[in-house]
Structures are given as C-alpha cells and as structure tokens.
Amino acid sequence: MRKRNCRVEIYFTKDELESLTKKVRKSGLSRESFCRHLLNGAEIKEAPSADVPMLINEVRRVGYNIDQILRMANARGMLDVPKLREALTENRKVEKMITAAYTMSED
C-alpha cells in the first residue's frame, strides 16, 4: 500500500518548469522528492560529482586499515597506540566532514 495517498496537481509556465527541472537535475533527486524536501524546509545541496563518493570510500578504507593496525598493535603491545588512536580520530573527522558537505540529512 502507498505511504503517500494524497495527490496535488500544479501547473507551471514553461520557464518555471525549466527552472525546476534544472534544480532537480543538480540535486540528483526525483522531482517529487525535491518538492517534498523543499516543503519540509530541508536544505537541498547540489549532488556531488562522481569522484566524491569514491573519496568517501577511500577515507573509510584508510580508517578501517588504521583500526586494524591499532587492534593488532594493542594486542601485541607494540607501536605507538596513542598516535594511532589520534590518526583514527582525525580520519573519522575527515570522513564526517566530507559526508556532511555532500549529503543531505534525512529527517
């Protein structure tokens, strides 16, 4: 069963529809989702370029590797564990900053 059962019809001029279509394309959302986000007061950001998701994945991969090294070092009592923890914390901050800059929060 549909979650959204109420339908609204809106008429636009050609210019208004072109403007809406351009904004929708930039956002990467469907037209309906774009309108819902606008009505709910969400800040709509331009969709990230294709390399941003790859960058986020790479930062996560590096963080995962640091975490694995930290676990091994901690278990064996070697390396400078506080420095590794600091590196992991910094990596997670960078990941959160990139993600926040290029994604939209789903309220």
Foldseek 3Di string as FASTA:
>chain_A
DDPDDDDDDDDDDPVVVVVLVVLCQQQVHDSVVVVVCVVVPWDGDGADDPCLVVVLVVLVVVLVVLVVVLVVCVVVVDDDNVVSVVVSVVSVVVSVVSCVVHDTDDD
